[in-house]
Protein backbone atom coordinates (compact mmCIF):
# COMPACT_ATOMS: atom_id res chain seq x y z
CA UNK A 1 -70.58 46.37 173.84
CA UNK A 2 -66.68 46.48 174.17
CA UNK A 3 -66.38 45.82 170.61
CA UNK A 4 -69.29 48.34 169.90
CA UNK A 5 -67.39 51.10 171.75
CA UNK A 6 -64.05 49.91 170.01
CA UNK A 7 -65.51 50.46 166.74
CA UNK A 8 -67.26 53.79 167.89
CA UNK A 9 -63.79 55.22 168.87
CA UNK A 10 -62.13 53.67 165.53
CA UNK A 11 -64.18 55.78 163.55
CA UNK A 12 -64.10 59.32 165.55
CA UNK A 13 -60.80 59.89 163.32
CA UNK A 14 -62.33 58.80 160.12
CA UNK A 15 -65.40 61.26 160.65
CA UNK A 16 -63.28 63.87 162.02
CA UNK A 17 -61.37 63.81 158.54
CA UNK A 18 -64.29 63.78 156.48
CA UNK A 19 -65.87 67.11 158.57
CA UNK A 20 -62.67 68.86 158.38
CA UNK A 21 -62.65 68.18 154.54
CA UNK A 22 -65.89 69.16 154.25
CA UNK A 23 -65.60 72.16 156.05
CA UNK A 24 -62.33 73.20 154.54
CA UNK A 25 -63.92 72.91 150.89
CA UNK A 26 -66.95 75.15 152.16
CA UNK A 27 -64.23 78.26 153.65
CA UNK A 28 -62.05 77.55 150.61
CA UNK A 29 -65.34 78.15 148.54
CA UNK A 30 -66.28 81.02 150.82
CA UNK A 31 -62.74 82.59 150.34
CA UNK A 32 -63.08 82.86 146.66
CA UNK A 33 -66.59 84.17 146.91
CA UNK A 34 -64.88 87.01 149.17
CA UNK A 35 -62.23 87.50 146.92
CA UNK A 36 -64.31 87.79 143.63
CA UNK A 37 -66.56 90.46 145.88
CA UNK A 38 -63.62 92.58 146.69
CA UNK A 39 -62.57 92.57 143.10
CA UNK A 40 -66.20 93.64 142.13
CA UNK A 41 -66.49 96.46 144.87
CA UNK A 42 -63.04 97.51 143.50
CA UNK A 43 -63.84 97.92 140.12
CA UNK A 44 -66.91 99.48 140.87
CA UNK A 45 -65.72 102.31 142.97
CA UNK A 46 -63.63 102.91 139.84
CA UNK A 47 -66.45 102.69 137.31
CA UNK A 48 -65.12 99.91 135.52
CA UNK A 49 -68.76 98.38 135.49
CA UNK A 50 -68.04 95.57 132.93
CA UNK A 51 -65.58 94.06 134.99
CA UNK A 52 -67.62 94.51 138.24
CA UNK A 53 -70.31 92.73 136.54
CA UNK A 54 -68.00 89.87 135.91
CA UNK A 55 -66.60 89.70 139.47
CA UNK A 56 -70.09 90.10 141.16
CA UNK A 57 -71.51 87.24 138.58
CA UNK A 58 -68.91 84.77 139.81
CA UNK A 59 -69.08 85.37 143.47
CA UNK A 60 -72.88 84.82 142.77
CA UNK A 61 -72.23 81.42 141.30
CA UNK A 62 -70.38 80.16 144.11
CA UNK A 63 -72.67 81.39 147.04
CA UNK A 64 -74.88 78.24 148.90
CA UNK A 65 -78.43 78.40 147.89
CA UNK A 66 -79.44 78.65 151.50
CA UNK A 67 -77.16 81.67 152.18
CA UNK A 68 -80.00 83.83 151.25
CA UNK A 69 -78.84 87.31 152.98
CA UNK A 70 -75.38 87.23 151.12
CA UNK A 71 -77.28 86.03 147.70
CA UNK A 72 -79.38 88.96 147.89
CA UNK A 73 -76.69 91.44 148.50
CA UNK A 74 -74.62 90.35 145.63
CA UNK A 75 -77.79 89.98 143.33
CA UNK A 76 -78.33 93.74 144.13
CA UNK A 77 -74.36 94.68 143.51
CA UNK A 78 -74.63 92.61 140.10
CA UNK A 79 -77.71 94.59 139.25
CA UNK A 80 -76.39 98.13 139.83
CA UNK A 81 -73.29 97.01 137.96
CA UNK A 82 -75.08 95.64 134.98
CA UNK A 83 -77.07 99.12 134.83
CA UNK A 84 -73.82 100.96 133.63
CA UNK A 85 -72.63 98.09 131.61
CA UNK A 86 -75.09 97.28 128.71
CA UNK A 87 -77.12 95.17 131.06
CA UNK A 88 -80.02 97.68 131.92
CA UNK A 89 -82.84 95.36 130.62
CA UNK A 90 -81.58 92.15 132.44
CA UNK A 91 -80.62 94.62 135.55
CA UNK A 92 -84.35 95.44 135.51
CA UNK A 93 -86.04 92.01 135.46
CA UNK A 94 -83.57 90.92 138.19
CA UNK A 95 -84.58 93.71 140.35
CA UNK A 96 -88.19 93.01 139.83
CA UNK A 97 -87.48 89.37 141.02
CA UNK A 98 -85.42 90.38 143.76
CA UNK A 99 -88.01 92.98 144.97
CA UNK A 100 -90.91 90.37 145.06
CA UNK A 101 -88.85 87.89 146.96
CA UNK A 102 -87.84 90.12 149.52
CA UNK A 103 -91.37 91.81 150.09
CA UNK A 104 -93.18 88.46 150.05
CA UNK A 105 -90.88 87.03 152.73
CA UNK A 106 -92.96 85.95 155.95
CA UNK A 107 -90.84 83.32 157.71
CA UNK A 108 -87.51 85.69 157.76
CA UNK A 109 -88.76 89.05 156.90
CA UNK A 110 -86.15 91.31 155.33
CA UNK A 111 -84.51 94.60 156.60
CA UNK A 112 -86.37 97.50 155.56
CA UNK A 113 -83.22 99.12 154.55
CA UNK A 114 -82.34 96.29 152.49
CA UNK A 115 -85.77 96.60 150.45
CA UNK A 116 -85.54 100.56 150.21
CA UNK A 117 -81.94 99.68 148.76
CA UNK A 118 -83.16 97.28 145.95
CA UNK A 119 -86.64 99.55 145.48
CA UNK A 120 -84.26 102.33 144.82
CA UNK A 121 -82.21 100.87 142.29
CA UNK A 122 -85.12 99.35 140.65
CA UNK A 123 -86.58 102.61 140.48
CA UNK A 124 -83.49 103.92 138.77
CA UNK A 125 -83.64 100.85 136.04
CA UNK A 126 -87.12 101.87 135.49
CA UNK A 127 -86.56 105.45 134.93
CA UNK A 128 -83.57 104.99 132.46
CA UNK A 129 -85.00 102.10 130.68
CA UNK A 130 -88.36 104.15 129.84
CA UNK A 131 -85.99 106.96 128.54
CA UNK A 132 -84.16 104.55 126.88
CA UNK A 133 -87.62 103.13 125.20
CA UNK A 134 -88.82 106.57 124.08
CA UNK A 135 -85.36 107.40 122.22
CA UNK A 136 -85.74 104.17 120.48
CA UNK A 137 -89.29 104.97 119.27
CA UNK A 138 -91.10 102.30 121.52
CA UNK A 139 -94.90 103.10 121.78
CA UNK A 140 -96.11 104.81 124.76
CA UNK A 141 -97.93 101.63 125.82
CA UNK A 142 -94.61 99.78 126.55
CA UNK A 143 -92.58 102.57 128.00
CA UNK A 144 -95.17 104.09 130.36
CA UNK A 145 -95.80 100.99 132.65
CA UNK A 146 -92.07 101.15 133.30
CA UNK A 147 -92.12 104.65 134.21
CA UNK A 148 -95.24 104.48 136.00
CA UNK A 149 -93.75 101.64 138.36
CA UNK A 150 -90.72 104.00 138.77
CA UNK A 151 -93.03 106.98 139.87
CA UNK A 152 -94.71 104.52 142.18
CA UNK A 153 -91.62 103.56 143.65
CA UNK A 154 -90.17 106.84 143.94
CA UNK A 155 -93.45 108.03 145.90
CA UNK A 156 -92.92 105.37 148.51
CA UNK A 157 -89.57 105.63 149.30
CA UNK A 158 -90.36 109.60 149.62
CA UNK A 159 -92.91 108.58 152.27
CA UNK A 160 -90.78 106.16 154.11
CA UNK A 161 -88.01 108.96 154.41
CA UNK A 162 -90.55 111.27 155.73
CA UNK A 163 -91.85 108.68 158.26
CA UNK A 164 -88.20 108.12 159.43
CA UNK A 165 -87.52 111.85 159.64
CA UNK A 166 -84.88 111.73 157.09
CA UNK A 167 -85.44 115.50 155.00
CA UNK A 168 -82.60 115.01 152.81
CA UNK A 169 -83.68 111.71 151.52
CA UNK A 170 -87.11 112.85 151.45
CA UNK A 171 -86.31 115.50 149.24
CA UNK A 172 -83.98 113.52 147.13
CA UNK A 173 -86.75 110.93 146.41
CA UNK A 174 -89.40 113.78 145.69
CA UNK A 175 -86.89 115.01 143.11
CA UNK A 176 -86.52 111.70 141.23
CA UNK A 177 -90.49 111.88 141.29
CA UNK A 178 -90.78 114.77 140.09
CA UNK A 179 -87.83 114.30 137.26
CA UNK A 180 -90.35 110.71 136.12
CA UNK A 181 -93.04 113.13 135.90
CA UNK A 182 -90.99 115.20 133.54
CA UNK A 183 -89.87 112.33 131.39
CA UNK A 184 -93.60 111.49 130.53
CA UNK A 185 -94.70 114.94 129.86
CA UNK A 186 -91.54 115.93 127.92
CA UNK A 187 -92.16 116.11 123.98
CA UNK A 188 -89.68 113.71 122.09
CA UNK A 189 -87.87 116.60 120.38
CA UNK A 190 -87.01 118.04 123.92
CA UNK A 191 -85.90 114.66 125.02
CA UNK A 192 -83.58 114.17 122.03
CA UNK A 193 -82.00 117.54 122.72
CA UNK A 194 -80.71 116.20 126.11
CA UNK A 195 -77.41 114.38 126.80
CA UNK A 196 -78.28 110.38 126.99
CA UNK A 197 -77.86 109.31 130.42
CA UNK A 198 -74.66 107.21 130.95
CA UNK A 199 -76.70 103.95 131.79
CA UNK A 200 -78.65 104.42 128.17
CA UNK A 201 -75.51 105.35 126.29
CA UNK A 202 -73.87 101.77 127.51
CA UNK A 203 -76.92 99.90 127.00
CA UNK A 204 -77.68 100.57 123.30
CA UNK A 205 -75.11 102.55 120.75
CA UNK A 206 -78.12 102.50 118.35
CA UNK A 207 -79.80 105.17 119.85
CA UNK A 208 -76.64 107.57 119.65
CA UNK A 209 -76.93 106.82 115.86
CA UNK A 210 -80.41 107.26 115.43
CA UNK A 211 -81.31 110.62 117.26
CA UNK A 212 -80.48 113.83 115.72
CA UNK A 213 -77.52 116.06 117.00
CA UNK A 214 -78.46 118.61 120.20
CA UNK A 215 -80.22 121.72 119.25
CA UNK A 216 -77.41 124.59 118.93
CA UNK A 217 -79.24 126.66 121.34
CA UNK A 218 -79.80 123.90 123.99
CA UNK A 219 -77.43 124.29 126.82
CA UNK A 220 -76.07 120.80 127.98
CA UNK A 221 -77.54 119.67 131.50
CA UNK A 222 -76.45 117.16 133.89
CA UNK A 223 -78.10 114.02 135.34
CA UNK A 224 -80.12 116.29 137.31
CA UNK A 225 -81.36 118.98 135.29
CA UNK A 226 -84.89 120.27 134.60
CA UNK A 227 -85.42 117.38 132.43
CA UNK A 228 -83.43 114.66 133.85
CA UNK A 229 -83.80 112.03 136.78
CA UNK A 230 -81.42 110.03 139.15
CA UNK A 231 -77.74 110.71 138.07
CA UNK A 232 -76.20 108.33 136.03
CA UNK A 233 -73.29 107.64 138.24
CA UNK A 234 -75.75 106.25 141.14
CA UNK A 235 -75.28 108.86 143.48
CA UNK A 236 -79.04 109.17 143.89
CA UNK A 237 -79.24 105.74 145.55
């Protein structure tokens, strides 16, 4: 009994050292994650989207697999940066997976605000992707499902805003919904006469070389014009 007790006390310093070593490595890892996140957010504020995407990507690589909430937050920020940094198709796919995961979560339901943020960003990516696909001459059978999904997401967001009594958000989502409807109905010549949204510009330089010059009588419109949707700077989210 005395020997067992003695061995126990002798092993305590070793166990304590192992614990502090492991804990120290974890805290150091999370410090690196925090540093990359701060750098990514700073770059996003300056609209340095390529750098923001790199920093968020580095942060995501270091986050433990079981840190679900943090991983979701970083994945959303990474997708938002990708939309503006030549990664629109990738962001679209990432957001679809992310939304499917959070809506399917049963054991630990995800906050409705987080779900709305993901759905909003996904809808914007779908809208921009449909615009881009139309400019590239992709068949309607390919771009229409993206636009239809964007409409459904905007409609749901508008309904949620109405239920919450948020008139401003409801009006914004209704405008986004109407813009997505106009995008489907617009003739390709009219679409080509509009300024290309920034996410489409950064994603595909071929669009600029393939589209004709804007019509002389066409007055330039901003991202919230009569034939456009969410603003390219993401202020609609």
